[in-house]
Amino acid sequence: MQLDQIVHFHKTIGDKTRIRIISLLKSGPLHGQAIAGKLGLKPPTISHHLTKLKEIDVVYQRRDKNTIYFYLNKDKLERMAQEIIRIGSDEMFGKFDITKEEKAMVIQNFIDHQGRLKSLPAQRKKKLILLEYMLRGLENGKTYQEKEINEHIQQYHPDYATIRREFVMAHFMYRQNNIYELNPVDMWPV
């Protein structure tokens, strides 16, 4: 699971009213007026919080005649809550156990004599090896502007936008507000 999804889930859940709504819905479905009455809040406030919970698929709704009932998606809630425990595990990041010989062979096959990437392979394992290769020269703990990352990537491949996105999706790097930073090596998939 993407680290961004985990963060978004916990930011959304991290509200007292939303936790109280989840607690109420554990007992069974309720309509918005009932939730508002039980929590002593106005219906528009409840609608706002229910919308946020629906965005992360923790709550879903069903209509019964003129009344909309809200249900707790218990499976999704449990699965998302468990993701935080899995952070750093090989299972979460899809870690591959790759030997130095395998890495050397992939690099030899996909990197030309000038150190540039010939093509980005479709196979995930090979792609990750090459992405790691292209991180050479970047420093842990240092932040980089998007322009700096683009220039770094262009040493290896002209499609810097794709490679930059792959760095983030594979958890090699973290991006916020167009500032990039290497993730700890323990989070890397290879």
N, C-alpha and C. Protein backbone atom coordinates (compact mmCIF):
# COMPACT_ATOMS: atom_id res chain seq x y z
N MET A 1 0.85 -1.18 0.00
CA MET A 1 0.00 0.00 0.00
C MET A 1 0.88 1.23 0.00
N GLN A 2 0.45 2.21 -0.73
CA GLN A 2 1.18 3.46 -0.79
C GLN A 2 1.21 4.14 0.57
N LEU A 3 2.37 4.69 0.90
CA LEU A 3 2.53 5.41 2.15
C LEU A 3 1.57 6.60 2.21
N ASP A 4 1.34 7.25 1.07
CA ASP A 4 0.42 8.39 1.02
C ASP A 4 -0.99 7.98 1.43
N GLN A 5 -1.43 6.79 1.02
CA GLN A 5 -2.76 6.32 1.38
C GLN A 5 -2.88 6.11 2.89
N ILE A 6 -1.84 5.57 3.49
CA ILE A 6 -1.84 5.34 4.94
C ILE A 6 -1.93 6.68 5.67
N VAL A 7 -1.15 7.65 5.21
CA VAL A 7 -1.15 8.97 5.85
C VAL A 7 -2.53 9.61 5.70
N HIS A 8 -3.10 9.55 4.49
CA HIS A 8 -4.42 10.15 4.26
C HIS A 8 -5.48 9.49 5.15
N PHE A 9 -5.43 8.17 5.26
CA PHE A 9 -6.38 7.45 6.11
C PHE A 9 -6.28 7.95 7.56
N HIS A 10 -5.08 8.01 8.09
CA HIS A 10 -4.90 8.39 9.50
C HIS A 10 -5.23 9.87 9.74
N LYS A 11 -4.96 10.72 8.75
CA LYS A 11 -5.36 12.12 8.89
C LYS A 11 -6.88 12.25 8.94
N THR A 12 -7.55 11.47 8.09
CA THR A 12 -9.01 11.53 8.06
C THR A 12 -9.61 10.97 9.33
N ILE A 13 -9.09 9.87 9.81
CA ILE A 13 -9.62 9.23 11.03
C ILE A 13 -9.28 10.05 12.27
N GLY A 14 -8.21 10.82 12.21
CA GLY A 14 -7.72 11.55 13.38
C GLY A 14 -8.58 12.74 13.78
N ASP A 15 -9.85 12.53 13.91
CA ASP A 15 -10.78 13.58 14.32
C ASP A 15 -11.75 12.97 15.33
N LYS A 16 -11.95 13.64 16.43
CA LYS A 16 -12.78 13.11 17.52
C LYS A 16 -14.20 12.79 17.05
N THR A 17 -14.80 13.67 16.28
CA THR A 17 -16.17 13.43 15.81
C THR A 17 -16.23 12.21 14.90
N ARG A 18 -15.26 12.07 14.03
CA ARG A 18 -15.25 10.91 13.11
C ARG A 18 -15.07 9.60 13.87
N ILE A 19 -14.25 9.62 14.88
CA ILE A 19 -14.08 8.42 15.70
C ILE A 19 -15.39 8.09 16.42
N ARG A 20 -16.08 9.11 16.89
CA ARG A 20 -17.36 8.88 17.56
C ARG A 20 -18.40 8.33 16.57
N ILE A 21 -18.40 8.81 15.33
CA ILE A 21 -19.32 8.29 14.31
C ILE A 21 -19.01 6.82 14.03
N ILE A 22 -17.74 6.49 13.90
CA ILE A 22 -17.34 5.10 13.67
C ILE A 22 -17.81 4.24 14.83
N SER A 23 -17.64 4.74 16.03
CA SER A 23 -18.07 3.99 17.22
C SER A 23 -19.58 3.73 17.20
N LEU A 24 -20.36 4.73 16.83
CA LEU A 24 -21.81 4.55 16.75
C LEU A 24 -22.19 3.53 15.67
N LEU A 25 -21.51 3.60 14.52
CA LEU A 25 -21.86 2.71 13.41
C LEU A 25 -21.41 1.27 13.63
N LYS A 26 -20.56 1.05 14.60
CA LYS A 26 -20.16 -0.33 14.92
C LYS A 26 -21.37 -1.15 15.39
N SER A 27 -22.33 -0.48 15.98
CA SER A 27 -23.53 -1.17 16.47
C SER A 27 -24.54 -1.45 15.37
N GLY A 28 -24.37 -0.81 14.22
CA GLY A 28 -25.29 -1.01 13.11
C GLY A 28 -25.54 0.28 12.37
N PRO A 29 -26.24 0.20 11.24
CA PRO A 29 -26.46 1.39 10.41
C PRO A 29 -27.36 2.41 11.10
N LEU A 30 -27.10 3.69 10.79
CA LEU A 30 -27.91 4.80 11.31
C LEU A 30 -28.09 5.83 10.20
N HIS A 31 -29.16 6.61 10.28
CA HIS A 31 -29.32 7.71 9.33
C HIS A 31 -28.69 8.96 9.95
N GLY A 32 -28.44 9.96 9.10
CA GLY A 32 -27.74 11.17 9.52
C GLY A 32 -28.36 11.88 10.70
N GLN A 33 -29.71 11.97 10.73
CA GLN A 33 -30.40 12.65 11.84
C GLN A 33 -30.14 11.93 13.16
N ALA A 34 -30.15 10.60 13.11
CA ALA A 34 -29.92 9.81 14.33
C ALA A 34 -28.50 10.03 14.85
N ILE A 35 -27.54 10.05 13.93
CA ILE A 35 -26.15 10.28 14.33
C ILE A 35 -26.02 11.67 14.95
N ALA A 36 -26.62 12.67 14.29
CA ALA A 36 -26.57 14.04 14.80
C ALA A 36 -27.18 14.12 16.19
N GLY A 37 -28.33 13.48 16.37
CA GLY A 37 -29.00 13.49 17.68
C GLY A 37 -28.16 12.83 18.76
N LYS A 38 -27.58 11.69 18.45
CA LYS A 38 -26.78 10.97 19.46
C LYS A 38 -25.51 11.73 19.84
N LEU A 39 -24.96 12.48 18.89
CA LEU A 39 -23.72 13.21 19.17
C LEU A 39 -23.97 14.66 19.58
N GLY A 40 -25.23 15.09 19.49
CA GLY A 40 -25.56 16.47 19.86
C GLY A 40 -24.98 17.49 18.90
N LEU A 41 -24.91 17.13 17.62
CA LEU A 41 -24.35 18.03 16.60
C LEU A 41 -25.40 18.30 15.53
N LYS A 42 -25.18 19.32 14.75
CA LYS A 42 -26.10 19.68 13.67
C LYS A 42 -25.89 18.75 12.47
N PRO A 43 -26.97 18.44 11.72
CA PRO A 43 -26.86 17.56 10.56
C PRO A 43 -25.80 17.96 9.52
N PRO A 44 -25.62 19.27 9.21
CA PRO A 44 -24.57 19.60 8.24
C PRO A 44 -23.16 19.21 8.72
N THR A 45 -22.94 19.31 10.02
CA THR A 45 -21.64 18.90 10.58
C THR A 45 -21.44 17.41 10.39
N ILE A 46 -22.49 16.64 10.66
CA ILE A 46 -22.43 15.18 10.49
C ILE A 46 -22.21 14.85 9.01
N SER A 47 -22.91 15.54 8.12
CA SER A 47 -22.75 15.31 6.67
C SER A 47 -21.30 15.52 6.24
N HIS A 48 -20.69 16.58 6.75
CA HIS A 48 -19.29 16.86 6.43
C HIS A 48 -18.39 15.70 6.85
N HIS A 49 -18.54 15.24 8.07
CA HIS A 49 -17.69 14.17 8.58
C HIS A 49 -17.97 12.84 7.87
N LEU A 50 -19.23 12.57 7.56
CA LEU A 50 -19.57 11.35 6.82
C LEU A 50 -18.96 11.37 5.42
N THR A 51 -18.94 12.53 4.79
CA THR A 51 -18.33 12.65 3.46
C THR A 51 -16.85 12.29 3.53
N LYS A 52 -16.17 12.79 4.53
CA LYS A 52 -14.74 12.48 4.70
C LYS A 52 -14.54 10.98 4.92
N LEU A 53 -15.39 10.37 5.73
CA LEU A 53 -15.27 8.93 5.99
C LEU A 53 -15.61 8.10 4.75
N LYS A 54 -16.53 8.59 3.93
CA LYS A 54 -16.86 7.90 2.67
C LYS A 54 -15.70 7.99 1.69
N GLU A 55 -14.97 9.10 1.69
CA GLU A 55 -13.83 9.27 0.78
C GLU A 55 -12.77 8.19 0.99
N ILE A 56 -12.60 7.75 2.21
CA ILE A 56 -11.61 6.70 2.48
C ILE A 56 -12.28 5.33 2.56
N ASP A 57 -13.54 5.25 2.19
CA ASP A 57 -14.30 4.00 2.08
C ASP A 57 -14.48 3.28 3.42
N VAL A 58 -14.49 4.02 4.50
CA VAL A 58 -14.73 3.43 5.81
C VAL A 58 -16.22 3.41 6.10
N VAL A 59 -16.96 4.31 5.46
CA VAL A 59 -18.41 4.38 5.60
C VAL A 59 -19.02 4.35 4.20
N TYR A 60 -20.12 3.62 4.07
CA TYR A 60 -20.88 3.65 2.82
C TYR A 60 -22.35 3.85 3.15
N GLN A 61 -23.13 4.20 2.15
CA GLN A 61 -24.54 4.51 2.40
C GLN A 61 -25.45 3.67 1.52
N ARG A 62 -26.67 3.47 2.03
CA ARG A 62 -27.73 2.79 1.28
C ARG A 62 -29.03 3.53 1.56
N ARG A 63 -29.82 3.66 0.51
CA ARG A 63 -31.10 4.36 0.63
C ARG A 63 -32.20 3.34 0.92
N ASP A 64 -33.08 3.68 1.85
CA ASP A 64 -34.29 2.89 2.13
C ASP A 64 -35.45 3.87 2.04
N LYS A 65 -36.14 3.85 0.90
CA LYS A 65 -37.20 4.81 0.58
C LYS A 65 -36.62 6.22 0.59
N ASN A 66 -37.03 7.08 1.50
CA ASN A 66 -36.53 8.45 1.53
C ASN A 66 -35.41 8.67 2.55
N THR A 67 -34.94 7.62 3.16
CA THR A 67 -33.93 7.76 4.20
C THR A 67 -32.63 7.10 3.76
N ILE A 68 -31.53 7.81 3.99
CA ILE A 68 -30.20 7.26 3.68
C ILE A 68 -29.59 6.77 4.99
N TYR A 69 -29.21 5.50 4.98
CA TYR A 69 -28.56 4.89 6.14
C TYR A 69 -27.06 4.76 5.86
N PHE A 70 -26.28 4.97 6.91
CA PHE A 70 -24.83 4.88 6.81
C PHE A 70 -24.36 3.62 7.53
N TYR A 71 -23.45 2.90 6.87
CA TYR A 71 -22.93 1.65 7.38
C TYR A 71 -21.42 1.77 7.54
N LEU A 72 -20.90 1.04 8.50
CA LEU A 72 -19.46 0.98 8.71
C LEU A 72 -18.89 -0.14 7.86
N ASN A 73 -17.88 0.17 7.08
CA ASN A 73 -17.17 -0.84 6.29
C ASN A 73 -16.06 -1.40 7.19
N LYS A 74 -16.43 -2.36 8.03
CA LYS A 74 -15.51 -2.87 9.05
C LYS A 74 -14.26 -3.50 8.45
N ASP A 75 -14.40 -4.23 7.35
CA ASP A 75 -13.24 -4.86 6.73
C ASP A 75 -12.21 -3.83 6.29
N LYS A 76 -12.68 -2.79 5.63
CA LYS A 76 -11.76 -1.74 5.16
C LYS A 76 -11.12 -1.02 6.34
N LEU A 77 -11.90 -0.72 7.37
CA LEU A 77 -11.37 -0.05 8.55
C LEU A 77 -10.26 -0.89 9.20
N GLU A 78 -10.51 -2.17 9.37
CA GLU A 78 -9.50 -3.05 9.98
C GLU A 78 -8.25 -3.16 9.12
N ARG A 79 -8.45 -3.32 7.81
CA ARG A 79 -7.32 -3.47 6.90
C ARG A 79 -6.45 -2.20 6.90
N MET A 80 -7.09 -1.05 6.84
CA MET A 80 -6.34 0.20 6.82
C MET A 80 -5.64 0.46 8.15
N ALA A 81 -6.30 0.14 9.22
CA ALA A 81 -5.70 0.35 10.54
C ALA A 81 -4.47 -0.56 10.73
N GLN A 82 -4.49 -1.74 10.15
CA GLN A 82 -3.37 -2.67 10.27
C GLN A 82 -2.16 -2.26 9.42
N GLU A 83 -2.37 -1.45 8.40
CA GLU A 83 -1.28 -1.06 7.51
C GLU A 83 -0.16 -0.36 8.27
N ILE A 84 -0.49 0.40 9.29
CA ILE A 84 0.54 1.11 10.05
C ILE A 84 1.50 0.13 10.72
N ILE A 85 1.01 -1.02 11.11
CA ILE A 85 1.84 -2.04 11.74
C ILE A 85 2.79 -2.67 10.73
N ARG A 86 2.36 -2.71 9.47
CA ARG A 86 3.16 -3.36 8.44
C ARG A 86 4.24 -2.46 7.86
N ILE A 87 4.28 -1.19 8.25
CA ILE A 87 5.29 -0.28 7.69
C ILE A 87 6.68 -0.85 7.97
N GLY A 88 7.47 -0.86 6.93
CA GLY A 88 8.84 -1.36 7.06
C GLY A 88 8.97 -2.85 6.82
N SER A 89 7.86 -3.56 6.74
CA SER A 89 7.96 -5.00 6.50
C SER A 89 8.17 -5.26 5.02
N ASP A 90 8.79 -6.36 4.70
CA ASP A 90 9.02 -6.72 3.31
C ASP A 90 7.70 -6.84 2.57
N GLU A 91 6.67 -7.31 3.26
CA GLU A 91 5.36 -7.50 2.64
C GLU A 91 4.76 -6.18 2.18
N MET A 92 4.91 -5.14 2.99
CA MET A 92 4.31 -3.86 2.62
C MET A 92 4.96 -3.26 1.39
N PHE A 93 6.26 -3.26 1.36
CA PHE A 93 6.96 -2.61 0.28
C PHE A 93 7.30 -3.55 -0.86
N GLY A 94 6.87 -4.78 -0.77
CA GLY A 94 7.12 -5.72 -1.84
C GLY A 94 8.61 -5.93 -2.06
N LYS A 95 9.35 -6.10 -0.96
CA LYS A 95 10.80 -6.24 -1.04
C LYS A 95 11.18 -7.49 -1.84
N PHE A 96 12.26 -7.33 -2.58
CA PHE A 96 12.82 -8.44 -3.33
C PHE A 96 14.16 -8.80 -2.72
N ASP A 97 14.43 -10.07 -2.66
CA ASP A 97 15.73 -10.54 -2.21
C ASP A 97 16.57 -10.73 -3.47
N ILE A 98 17.47 -9.79 -3.72
CA ILE A 98 18.23 -9.79 -4.96
C ILE A 98 19.71 -9.89 -4.63
N THR A 99 20.40 -10.78 -5.31
CA THR A 99 21.83 -10.93 -5.09
C THR A 99 22.60 -9.83 -5.83
N LYS A 100 23.83 -9.62 -5.43
CA LYS A 100 24.69 -8.64 -6.10
C LYS A 100 24.91 -9.04 -7.56
N GLU A 101 24.99 -10.34 -7.80
CA GLU A 101 25.19 -10.83 -9.15
C GLU A 101 23.99 -10.49 -10.05
N GLU A 102 22.77 -10.67 -9.49
CA GLU A 102 21.56 -10.33 -10.25
C GLU A 102 21.54 -8.84 -10.58
N LYS A 103 21.86 -8.02 -9.59
CA LYS A 103 21.89 -6.57 -9.81
C LYS A 103 22.89 -6.22 -10.91
N ALA A 104 24.08 -6.80 -10.81
CA ALA A 104 25.12 -6.51 -11.79
C ALA A 104 24.68 -6.91 -13.20
N MET A 105 24.01 -8.05 -13.33
CA MET A 105 23.56 -8.53 -14.63
C MET A 105 22.50 -7.59 -15.23
N VAL A 106 21.54 -7.16 -14.40
CA VAL A 106 20.49 -6.25 -14.88
C VAL A 106 21.11 -4.92 -15.30
N ILE A 107 22.01 -4.40 -14.49
CA ILE A 107 22.66 -3.13 -14.82
C ILE A 107 23.45 -3.26 -16.11
N GLN A 108 24.16 -4.36 -16.28
CA GLN A 108 24.93 -4.60 -17.50
C GLN A 108 24.02 -4.65 -18.74
N ASN A 109 22.84 -5.25 -18.59
CA ASN A 109 21.92 -5.40 -19.71
C ASN A 109 21.16 -4.12 -20.08
N PHE A 110 20.94 -3.23 -19.09
CA PHE A 110 20.09 -2.07 -19.35
C PHE A 110 20.81 -0.72 -19.31
N ILE A 111 22.07 -0.71 -18.93
CA ILE A 111 22.83 0.53 -18.86
C ILE A 111 23.90 0.49 -19.95
N ASP A 112 23.99 1.58 -20.73
CA ASP A 112 24.98 1.61 -21.80
C ASP A 112 26.36 1.96 -21.25
N HIS A 113 27.36 2.01 -22.13
CA HIS A 113 28.74 2.25 -21.71
C HIS A 113 28.96 3.65 -21.13
N GLN A 114 28.01 4.57 -21.34
CA GLN A 114 28.09 5.92 -20.77
C GLN A 114 27.36 6.02 -19.44
N GLY A 115 26.78 4.92 -18.97
CA GLY A 115 26.07 4.91 -17.70
C GLY A 115 24.62 5.35 -17.80
N ARG A 116 24.10 5.45 -19.03
CA ARG A 116 22.71 5.87 -19.25
C ARG A 116 21.81 4.66 -19.44
N LEU A 117 20.57 4.83 -19.03
CA LEU A 117 19.57 3.77 -19.14
C LEU A 117 19.14 3.62 -20.60
N LYS A 118 19.25 2.39 -21.13
CA LYS A 118 18.82 2.13 -22.51
C LYS A 118 17.30 2.17 -22.59
N SER A 119 16.65 1.51 -21.66
CA SER A 119 15.18 1.49 -21.58
C SER A 119 14.79 1.08 -20.18
N LEU A 120 13.58 1.43 -19.78
CA LEU A 120 13.07 1.04 -18.47
C LEU A 120 12.28 -0.25 -18.64
N PRO A 121 12.73 -1.34 -18.02
CA PRO A 121 12.06 -2.62 -18.22
C PRO A 121 10.66 -2.66 -17.60
N ALA A 122 9.82 -3.51 -18.13
CA ALA A 122 8.46 -3.67 -17.59
C ALA A 122 8.47 -4.51 -16.32
N GLN A 123 9.39 -5.45 -16.23
CA GLN A 123 9.44 -6.33 -15.06
C GLN A 123 9.83 -5.52 -13.82
N ARG A 124 9.00 -5.59 -12.79
CA ARG A 124 9.16 -4.77 -11.59
C ARG A 124 10.52 -4.95 -10.93
N LYS A 125 10.96 -6.18 -10.80
CA LYS A 125 12.23 -6.46 -10.11
C LYS A 125 13.39 -5.76 -10.82
N LYS A 126 13.43 -5.85 -12.15
CA LYS A 126 14.50 -5.21 -12.91
C LYS A 126 14.39 -3.69 -12.84
N LYS A 127 13.16 -3.20 -12.91
CA LYS A 127 12.94 -1.76 -12.85
C LYS A 127 13.44 -1.20 -11.52
N LEU A 128 13.18 -1.90 -10.43
CA LEU A 128 13.61 -1.43 -9.10
C LEU A 128 15.13 -1.40 -9.00
N ILE A 129 15.78 -2.39 -9.57
CA ILE A 129 17.25 -2.42 -9.56
C ILE A 129 17.79 -1.18 -10.27
N LEU A 130 17.20 -0.85 -11.41
CA LEU A 130 17.66 0.30 -12.19
C LEU A 130 17.32 1.63 -11.52
N LEU A 131 16.18 1.69 -10.87
CA LEU A 131 15.84 2.91 -10.12
C LEU A 131 16.84 3.13 -9.00
N GLU A 132 17.18 2.07 -8.29
CA GLU A 132 18.18 2.19 -7.23
C GLU A 132 19.52 2.65 -7.81
N TYR A 133 19.88 2.11 -8.95
CA TYR A 133 21.12 2.50 -9.63
C TYR A 133 21.14 4.01 -9.91
N MET A 134 20.00 4.54 -10.35
CA MET A 134 19.92 5.95 -10.70
C MET A 134 19.92 6.88 -9.49
N LEU A 135 19.79 6.34 -8.30
CA LEU A 135 19.84 7.16 -7.08
C LEU A 135 21.28 7.50 -6.68
N ARG A 136 22.24 6.85 -7.34
CA ARG A 136 23.65 7.11 -7.01
C ARG A 136 23.93 8.61 -7.09
N GLY A 137 24.62 9.11 -6.10
CA GLY A 137 24.96 10.53 -6.08
C GLY A 137 24.02 11.38 -5.24
N LEU A 138 22.85 10.85 -4.91
CA LEU A 138 21.93 11.57 -4.03
C LEU A 138 22.26 11.23 -2.58
N GLU A 139 22.13 12.20 -1.70
CA GLU A 139 22.53 12.02 -0.30
C GLU A 139 21.34 11.82 0.62
N ASN A 140 21.48 10.89 1.56
CA ASN A 140 20.46 10.70 2.60
C ASN A 140 20.41 11.94 3.48
N GLY A 141 19.21 12.34 3.86
CA GLY A 141 19.03 13.48 4.76
C GLY A 141 19.04 14.83 4.07
N LYS A 142 19.36 14.85 2.79
CA LYS A 142 19.38 16.11 2.04
C LYS A 142 18.07 16.25 1.27
N THR A 143 17.54 17.47 1.22
CA THR A 143 16.32 17.71 0.45
C THR A 143 16.71 18.30 -0.91
N TYR A 144 15.88 17.98 -1.90
CA TYR A 144 16.15 18.41 -3.27
C TYR A 144 14.92 19.08 -3.86
N GLN A 145 15.14 20.15 -4.58
CA GLN A 145 14.08 20.78 -5.36
C GLN A 145 13.76 19.87 -6.54
N GLU A 146 12.55 19.96 -7.07
CA GLU A 146 12.16 19.12 -8.21
C GLU A 146 13.12 19.32 -9.39
N LYS A 147 13.54 20.54 -9.61
CA LYS A 147 14.47 20.84 -10.71
C LYS A 147 15.79 20.07 -10.53
N GLU A 148 16.28 20.00 -9.30
CA GLU A 148 17.53 19.27 -9.02
C GLU A 148 17.37 17.78 -9.31
N ILE A 149 16.22 17.23 -8.91
CA ILE A 149 15.96 15.80 -9.17
C ILE A 149 15.87 15.56 -10.67
N ASN A 150 15.20 16.46 -11.39
CA ASN A 150 15.08 16.32 -12.84
C ASN A 150 16.47 16.30 -13.49
N GLU A 151 17.32 17.23 -13.09
CA GLU A 151 18.69 17.29 -13.64
C GLU A 151 19.47 16.03 -13.32
N HIS A 152 19.30 15.52 -12.10
CA HIS A 152 19.98 14.29 -11.71
C HIS A 152 19.53 13.13 -12.59
N ILE A 153 18.24 12.99 -12.77
CA ILE A 153 17.67 11.88 -13.56
C ILE A 153 18.12 11.98 -15.01
N GLN A 154 18.21 13.19 -15.56
CA GLN A 154 18.58 13.35 -16.97
C GLN A 154 19.99 12.85 -17.27
N GLN A 155 20.81 12.65 -16.24
CA GLN A 155 22.11 12.02 -16.45
C GLN A 155 21.94 10.58 -16.93
N TYR A 156 20.80 9.97 -16.55
CA TYR A 156 20.55 8.57 -16.83
C TYR A 156 19.48 8.33 -17.89
N HIS A 157 18.47 9.23 -17.96
CA HIS A 157 17.33 8.98 -18.84
C HIS A 157 16.63 10.31 -19.13
N PRO A 158 16.17 10.52 -20.38
CA PRO A 158 15.53 11.81 -20.71
C PRO A 158 14.13 11.99 -20.10
N ASP A 159 13.42 10.90 -19.79
CA ASP A 159 12.05 11.01 -19.26
C ASP A 159 12.11 11.14 -17.73
N TYR A 160 12.50 12.32 -17.27
CA TYR A 160 12.68 12.54 -15.83
C TYR A 160 11.36 12.47 -15.07
N ALA A 161 10.25 12.85 -15.71
CA ALA A 161 8.96 12.84 -15.01
C ALA A 161 8.55 11.42 -14.63
N THR A 162 8.72 10.49 -15.55
CA THR A 162 8.38 9.09 -15.27
C THR A 162 9.29 8.51 -14.19
N ILE A 163 10.58 8.75 -14.31
CA ILE A 163 11.53 8.19 -13.33
C ILE A 163 11.28 8.80 -11.96
N ARG A 164 11.04 10.11 -11.92
CA ARG A 164 10.77 10.78 -10.64
C ARG A 164 9.54 10.18 -9.97
N ARG A 165 8.49 9.95 -10.75
CA ARG A 165 7.26 9.34 -10.22
C ARG A 165 7.54 7.92 -9.73
N GLU A 166 8.35 7.18 -10.48
CA GLU A 166 8.70 5.81 -10.07
C GLU A 166 9.49 5.81 -8.76
N PHE A 167 10.39 6.79 -8.56
CA PHE A 167 11.13 6.90 -7.31
C PHE A 167 10.17 6.98 -6.13
N VAL A 168 9.13 7.80 -6.26
CA VAL A 168 8.18 8.01 -5.17
C VAL A 168 7.29 6.78 -4.99
N MET A 169 6.76 6.25 -6.10
CA MET A 169 5.85 5.10 -6.01
C MET A 169 6.53 3.87 -5.44
N ALA A 170 7.83 3.72 -5.70
CA ALA A 170 8.57 2.55 -5.20
C ALA A 170 9.14 2.78 -3.80
N HIS A 171 8.86 3.94 -3.21
CA HIS A 171 9.29 4.29 -1.85
C HIS A 171 10.80 4.54 -1.73
N PHE A 172 11.46 4.82 -2.84
CA PHE A 172 12.85 5.25 -2.75
C PHE A 172 12.92 6.68 -2.22
N MET A 173 11.93 7.48 -2.60
CA MET A 173 11.92 8.89 -2.22
C MET A 173 10.57 9.29 -1.66
N TYR A 174 10.60 10.39 -0.94
CA TYR A 174 9.39 11.00 -0.37
C TYR A 174 9.27 12.38 -1.01
N ARG A 175 8.06 12.77 -1.38
CA ARG A 175 7.84 14.08 -2.00
C ARG A 175 6.76 14.83 -1.23
N GLN A 176 7.03 16.09 -0.96
CA GLN A 176 6.02 16.96 -0.37
C GLN A 176 6.30 18.38 -0.85
N ASN A 177 5.28 19.01 -1.44
CA ASN A 177 5.39 20.39 -1.94
C ASN A 177 6.57 20.56 -2.90
N ASN A 178 6.75 19.58 -3.79
CA ASN A 178 7.82 19.59 -4.79
C ASN A 178 9.22 19.57 -4.19
N ILE A 179 9.34 19.13 -2.95
CA ILE A 179 10.63 18.90 -2.30
C ILE A 179 10.78 17.40 -2.15
N TYR A 180 11.94 16.88 -2.55
CA TYR A 180 12.19 15.44 -2.55
C TYR A 180 13.29 15.11 -1.55
N GLU A 181 13.12 13.93 -0.94
CA GLU A 181 14.13 13.44 0.00
C GLU A 181 14.16 11.92 -0.08
N LEU A 182 15.34 11.35 0.02
CA LEU A 182 15.45 9.89 0.02
C LEU A 182 14.80 9.33 1.27
N ASN A 183 14.06 8.25 1.11
CA ASN A 183 13.53 7.53 2.26
C ASN A 183 14.67 6.73 2.89
N PRO A 184 14.52 6.31 4.15
CA PRO A 184 15.53 5.43 4.74
C PRO A 184 15.68 4.17 3.89
N VAL A 185 16.88 3.65 3.79
CA VAL A 185 17.17 2.48 2.95
C VAL A 185 16.30 1.29 3.35
N ASP A 186 15.91 1.20 4.62
CA ASP A 186 15.05 0.09 5.06
C ASP A 186 13.70 0.08 4.36
N MET A 187 13.28 1.23 3.84
CA MET A 187 12.00 1.31 3.13
C MET A 187 12.14 0.96 1.65
N TRP A 188 13.37 0.91 1.17
CA TRP A 188 13.59 0.63 -0.25
C TRP A 188 13.21 -0.82 -0.56
N PRO A 189 12.66 -1.06 -1.73
CA PRO A 189 12.19 -2.42 -2.07
C PRO A 189 13.30 -3.37 -2.49
N VAL A 190 14.51 -2.91 -2.70
CA VAL A 190 15.62 -3.81 -3.09
C VAL A 190 16.79 -3.63 -2.16
